[in-house]
């Protein structure tokens, strides 16, 4: 299934329109969803399978003002919809909860509203998706070398079985994403997945070295945009044609196969 045509529909659209386009896709898949309104926004939540405890798959649909919003985070939305499609077509009984959060870009408000109302007790863990449309490897963050968890171990084993490079990063420039809300609410086995390239890793190493040397902000920015991952990050140029079907498919298969192994 090609995912780029759907991401194209999301490019530069207002957040309310992006949410409506997700709902339209869910209706086409004949999947029920819950709207969770809160003070300043509305999340969409999809429950799949019969298991009482669910594996969370996280995305956010809001975009930074003026950004195209394709890799951040249309790519994740498309992969999450593909996970739902795979679940429907397979008839799987695996327990999955897919989140489409509002207002991640303005302080993780959507995910914070979810955990404040529902907690995390019925979740096994969270695979949070951010910027998954470019690259040929998977970065897991913030995941220190000593961190453990059944979902983390299953995802790493699945990726390696598929001959996909997967690496842990204590930090990927920023540690802010919707996994933070879940960890703060007590769900330890929660982390974010991002697609990267070797060039991204090399630039990140130089970036953190420059940070330790207290390089000025303009110099840090010049370094950052040398990474393909961040070249269009939060820019009007973050549009669908920069993305790769191969990266989207790689992420979708890794997430889906991990869910299957956790049944």
Protein backbone atom coordinates (compact mmCIF):
# COMPACT_ATOMS: atom_id res chain seq x y z
CA UNK A 1 0.00 0.00 0.00
CA UNK A 2 1.44 3.38 -1.01
CA UNK A 3 1.30 5.86 1.86
CA UNK A 4 2.67 8.99 0.22
CA UNK A 5 -0.61 9.99 -1.51
CA UNK A 6 -2.30 10.29 1.89
CA UNK A 7 0.61 12.31 3.32
CA UNK A 8 0.29 14.63 0.32
CA UNK A 9 -3.30 15.37 1.41
CA UNK A 10 -2.02 16.42 4.85
CA UNK A 11 0.66 18.83 3.62
CA UNK A 12 0.16 22.39 4.93
CA UNK A 13 -3.40 21.62 6.06
CA UNK A 14 -4.75 23.16 9.30
CA UNK A 15 -4.67 20.80 12.25
CA UNK A 16 -8.47 20.43 12.29
CA UNK A 17 -8.39 19.39 8.64
CA UNK A 18 -5.62 16.88 9.32
CA UNK A 19 -7.73 15.39 12.12
CA UNK A 20 -10.74 15.21 9.79
CA UNK A 21 -8.67 13.45 7.12
CA UNK A 22 -7.60 10.84 9.67
CA UNK A 23 -11.22 10.30 10.71
CA UNK A 24 -12.15 9.90 7.05
CA UNK A 25 -9.51 7.20 6.62
CA UNK A 26 -10.72 5.39 9.75
CA UNK A 27 -14.27 5.45 8.43
CA UNK A 28 -13.10 4.00 5.12
CA UNK A 29 -11.36 1.22 7.06
CA UNK A 30 -14.62 0.66 8.99
CA UNK A 31 -12.79 1.22 12.26
CA UNK A 32 -14.43 2.76 15.31
CA UNK A 33 -12.58 5.55 17.04
CA UNK A 34 -12.99 7.68 20.13
CA UNK A 35 -12.78 11.45 20.09
CA UNK A 36 -11.25 12.75 23.30
CA UNK A 37 -11.87 16.49 23.57
CA UNK A 38 -9.95 18.43 26.22
CA UNK A 39 -9.57 22.11 27.04
CA UNK A 40 -7.66 23.16 23.92
CA UNK A 41 -7.81 20.25 21.46
CA UNK A 42 -9.13 16.83 20.51
CA UNK A 43 -7.34 13.47 20.35
CA UNK A 44 -8.45 10.47 18.30
CA UNK A 45 -7.99 7.00 19.83
CA UNK A 46 -8.50 3.61 18.15
CA UNK A 47 -8.78 0.36 20.11
CA UNK A 48 -8.10 -2.90 18.26
CA UNK A 49 -8.16 -6.56 19.27
CA UNK A 50 -9.59 -8.45 22.19
CA UNK A 51 -6.68 -8.32 24.63
CA UNK A 52 -7.36 -6.29 27.76
CA UNK A 53 -3.89 -4.76 27.88
CA UNK A 54 -2.91 -2.91 24.73
CA UNK A 55 0.31 -2.05 22.93
CA UNK A 56 0.24 1.68 22.32
CA UNK A 57 1.20 3.17 18.95
CA UNK A 58 1.58 6.94 19.23
CA UNK A 59 1.45 9.73 16.64
CA UNK A 60 0.48 13.38 16.61
CA UNK A 61 -1.39 15.16 13.83
CA UNK A 62 -0.67 18.79 14.65
CA UNK A 63 2.11 20.61 12.81
CA UNK A 64 4.25 23.63 13.51
CA UNK A 65 2.82 26.80 11.97
CA UNK A 66 4.22 27.28 8.44
CA UNK A 67 5.69 23.77 8.36
CA UNK A 68 4.46 21.40 5.67
CA UNK A 69 4.08 18.75 8.36
CA UNK A 70 4.95 15.77 6.13
CA UNK A 71 7.74 14.01 8.00
CA UNK A 72 6.69 15.72 11.24
CA UNK A 73 4.33 14.03 11.58
CA UNK A 74 2.33 13.01 8.54
CA UNK A 75 4.71 10.10 8.05
CA UNK A 76 3.78 8.68 11.46
CA UNK A 77 0.06 9.18 10.84
CA UNK A 78 0.30 7.22 7.58
CA UNK A 79 2.24 4.38 9.24
CA UNK A 80 -0.27 4.20 12.11
CA UNK A 81 -3.15 3.99 9.63
CA UNK A 82 -1.26 1.21 7.86
CA UNK A 83 -0.92 -0.67 11.17
CA UNK A 84 -4.69 -0.39 11.62
CA UNK A 85 -5.22 -1.68 8.08
CA UNK A 86 -2.90 -4.65 8.71
CA UNK A 87 -4.75 -5.45 11.92
CA UNK A 88 -8.11 -5.34 10.17
CA UNK A 89 -7.03 -7.44 7.19
CA UNK A 90 -5.26 -10.08 9.30
CA UNK A 91 -8.11 -10.56 11.77
CA UNK A 92 -5.52 -10.36 14.54
CA UNK A 93 -6.60 -10.57 18.16
CA UNK A 94 -3.58 -8.54 19.29
CA UNK A 95 -4.49 -5.70 21.62
CA UNK A 96 -3.42 -2.39 20.09
CA UNK A 97 -4.32 1.21 20.93
CA UNK A 98 -3.44 3.77 18.27
CA UNK A 99 -3.22 7.41 19.30
CA UNK A 100 -3.53 10.46 17.05
CA UNK A 101 -2.62 13.23 19.47
CA UNK A 102 -3.35 16.92 19.15
CA UNK A 103 -0.97 19.70 20.25
CA UNK A 104 2.25 17.74 20.60
CA UNK A 105 4.08 20.72 19.15
CA UNK A 106 2.82 23.09 21.83
CA UNK A 107 3.80 21.20 24.96
CA UNK A 108 2.59 17.60 24.55
CA UNK A 109 -0.88 18.78 25.54
CA UNK A 110 -2.81 16.01 23.79
CA UNK A 111 -0.87 13.12 25.30
CA UNK A 112 -0.86 14.78 28.70
CA UNK A 113 -4.64 15.12 28.51
CA UNK A 114 -4.96 11.43 27.63
CA UNK A 115 -2.87 10.13 30.53
CA UNK A 116 -4.52 12.56 32.94
CA UNK A 117 -7.93 11.11 32.08
CA UNK A 118 -7.11 7.46 31.42
CA UNK A 119 -3.72 6.66 32.96
CA UNK A 120 -1.47 3.94 31.57
CA UNK A 121 -2.43 0.87 33.60
CA UNK A 122 -3.96 -1.00 30.66
CA UNK A 123 -0.98 -0.40 28.34
CA UNK A 124 1.88 -2.86 27.84
CA UNK A 125 4.08 -0.09 26.47
CA UNK A 126 4.20 2.64 23.83
CA UNK A 127 5.82 2.69 20.38
CA UNK A 128 5.74 6.42 19.64
CA UNK A 129 6.35 7.39 16.01
CA UNK A 130 8.13 10.62 15.04
CA UNK A 131 9.70 11.50 11.66
CA UNK A 132 9.54 8.04 10.08
CA UNK A 133 9.51 8.99 6.40
CA UNK A 134 13.22 9.36 5.59
CA UNK A 135 16.15 7.00 6.14
CA UNK A 136 17.11 3.34 6.10
CA UNK A 137 17.73 2.72 9.82
CA UNK A 138 15.72 3.09 13.01
CA UNK A 139 16.66 5.21 16.01
CA UNK A 140 15.08 4.49 19.40
CA UNK A 141 15.16 7.39 21.85
CA UNK A 142 15.65 8.29 24.59
CA UNK A 143 16.88 4.77 25.27
CA UNK A 144 20.00 4.41 27.35
CA UNK A 145 22.17 1.29 27.12
CA UNK A 146 20.86 -0.08 30.43
CA UNK A 147 17.15 0.44 29.70
CA UNK A 148 15.06 -2.74 29.59
CA UNK A 149 11.49 -3.61 28.73
CA UNK A 150 9.57 -6.40 26.97
CA UNK A 151 8.31 -4.12 24.19
CA UNK A 152 11.73 -2.53 23.68
CA UNK A 153 13.40 -5.95 23.49
CA UNK A 154 10.75 -7.27 21.10
CA UNK A 155 11.10 -4.28 18.78
CA UNK A 156 14.89 -4.52 18.65
CA UNK A 157 14.77 -8.26 18.01
CA UNK A 158 12.17 -7.81 15.26
CA UNK A 159 14.18 -5.11 13.48
CA UNK A 160 17.33 -7.21 13.54
CA UNK A 161 15.45 -10.23 12.27
CA UNK A 162 14.37 -8.07 9.34
CA UNK A 163 18.00 -6.95 8.82
CA UNK A 164 17.06 -3.36 9.65
CA UNK A 165 19.67 -1.35 11.52
CA UNK A 166 18.36 -0.29 14.91
CA UNK A 167 20.26 1.82 17.46
CA UNK A 168 19.58 3.29 20.86
CA UNK A 169 20.15 6.98 21.48
CA UNK A 170 20.08 8.64 24.88
CA UNK A 171 19.11 11.81 23.04
CA UNK A 172 18.19 12.64 19.44
CA UNK A 173 18.82 16.40 19.55
CA UNK A 174 15.67 16.77 21.66
CA UNK A 175 14.09 14.29 24.07
CA UNK A 176 10.66 15.91 23.81
CA UNK A 177 7.95 13.76 22.24
CA UNK A 178 4.72 12.13 23.41
CA UNK A 179 6.56 9.24 25.11
CA UNK A 180 7.38 11.76 27.87
CA UNK A 181 3.74 11.99 28.98
CA UNK A 182 3.50 8.20 29.30
CA UNK A 183 6.79 7.76 31.12
CA UNK A 184 5.86 10.54 33.52
CA UNK A 185 2.61 8.67 34.21
CA UNK A 186 4.52 5.47 35.09
CA UNK A 187 4.77 3.59 31.78
CA UNK A 188 8.48 2.75 31.66
CA UNK A 189 8.40 0.74 28.41
CA UNK A 190 7.68 3.79 26.24
CA UNK A 191 10.02 5.22 23.61
CA UNK A 192 10.08 7.04 20.30
CA UNK A 193 11.02 5.57 16.91
CA UNK A 194 12.57 7.73 14.17
CA UNK A 195 14.00 6.83 10.74
CA UNK A 196 17.58 7.96 10.20
CA UNK A 197 20.62 7.61 7.92
CA UNK A 198 24.32 7.21 8.65
CA UNK A 199 24.74 10.89 7.79
CA UNK A 200 22.22 11.83 10.49
CA UNK A 201 24.25 9.89 13.05
CA UNK A 202 27.51 11.54 11.99
CA UNK A 203 25.99 15.03 12.18
CA UNK A 204 24.44 14.26 15.58
CA UNK A 205 27.84 13.30 16.96
CA UNK A 206 29.34 16.59 15.76
CA UNK A 207 26.32 18.48 17.09
CA UNK A 208 26.68 17.10 20.62
CA UNK A 209 30.44 17.72 20.58
CA UNK A 210 29.74 21.33 19.62
CA UNK A 211 27.20 21.59 22.43
CA UNK A 212 29.74 20.43 25.01
CA UNK A 213 32.08 23.13 23.70
CA UNK A 214 29.28 25.69 24.16
CA UNK A 215 29.12 26.61 20.48
CA UNK A 216 26.81 29.55 19.71
CA UNK A 217 23.27 28.79 18.57
CA UNK A 218 23.82 29.84 14.90
CA UNK A 219 26.73 27.40 14.66
CA UNK A 220 24.64 24.62 16.19
CA UNK A 221 21.84 25.28 13.71
CA UNK A 222 24.26 25.21 10.78
CA UNK A 223 25.43 21.82 11.95
CA UNK A 224 21.92 20.50 12.49
CA UNK A 225 20.66 21.24 8.99
CA UNK A 226 23.48 19.17 7.52
CA UNK A 227 21.53 16.12 8.68
CA UNK A 228 18.93 14.95 6.13
CA UNK A 229 16.53 14.35 9.02
CA UNK A 230 16.60 18.00 10.07
CA UNK A 231 17.13 19.76 6.75
CA UNK A 232 13.40 20.40 6.38
CA UNK A 233 12.42 20.00 10.05
CA UNK A 234 9.76 22.55 11.06
CA UNK A 235 10.13 24.25 7.68
CA UNK A 236 7.66 24.95 4.83
CA UNK A 237 9.75 22.49 2.78
CA UNK A 238 8.71 19.53 4.97
CA UNK A 239 6.50 18.14 2.20
CA UNK A 240 5.53 14.68 1.01
CA UNK A 241 7.87 14.44 -2.00
CA UNK A 242 10.90 14.47 0.34
CA UNK A 243 9.74 11.20 1.89
CA UNK A 244 10.36 7.59 0.93
CA UNK A 245 7.83 4.78 0.59
CA UNK A 246 10.64 2.40 1.57
CA UNK A 247 11.18 4.15 4.90
CA UNK A 248 7.46 4.18 5.64
CA UNK A 249 7.13 0.49 4.77
CA UNK A 250 10.21 -0.42 6.83
CA UNK A 251 8.70 1.26 9.89
CA UNK A 252 5.25 -0.20 9.38
CA UNK A 253 6.54 -3.76 9.02
CA UNK A 254 8.82 -3.42 12.07
CA UNK A 255 5.99 -2.10 14.25
CA UNK A 256 3.44 -4.63 12.98
CA UNK A 257 5.73 -7.63 13.38
CA UNK A 258 6.62 -6.47 16.90
CA UNK A 259 2.92 -6.35 17.77
CA UNK A 260 2.51 -9.87 16.40
CA UNK A 261 5.38 -11.23 18.49
CA UNK A 262 3.89 -9.69 21.65
CA UNK A 263 0.54 -11.50 21.33
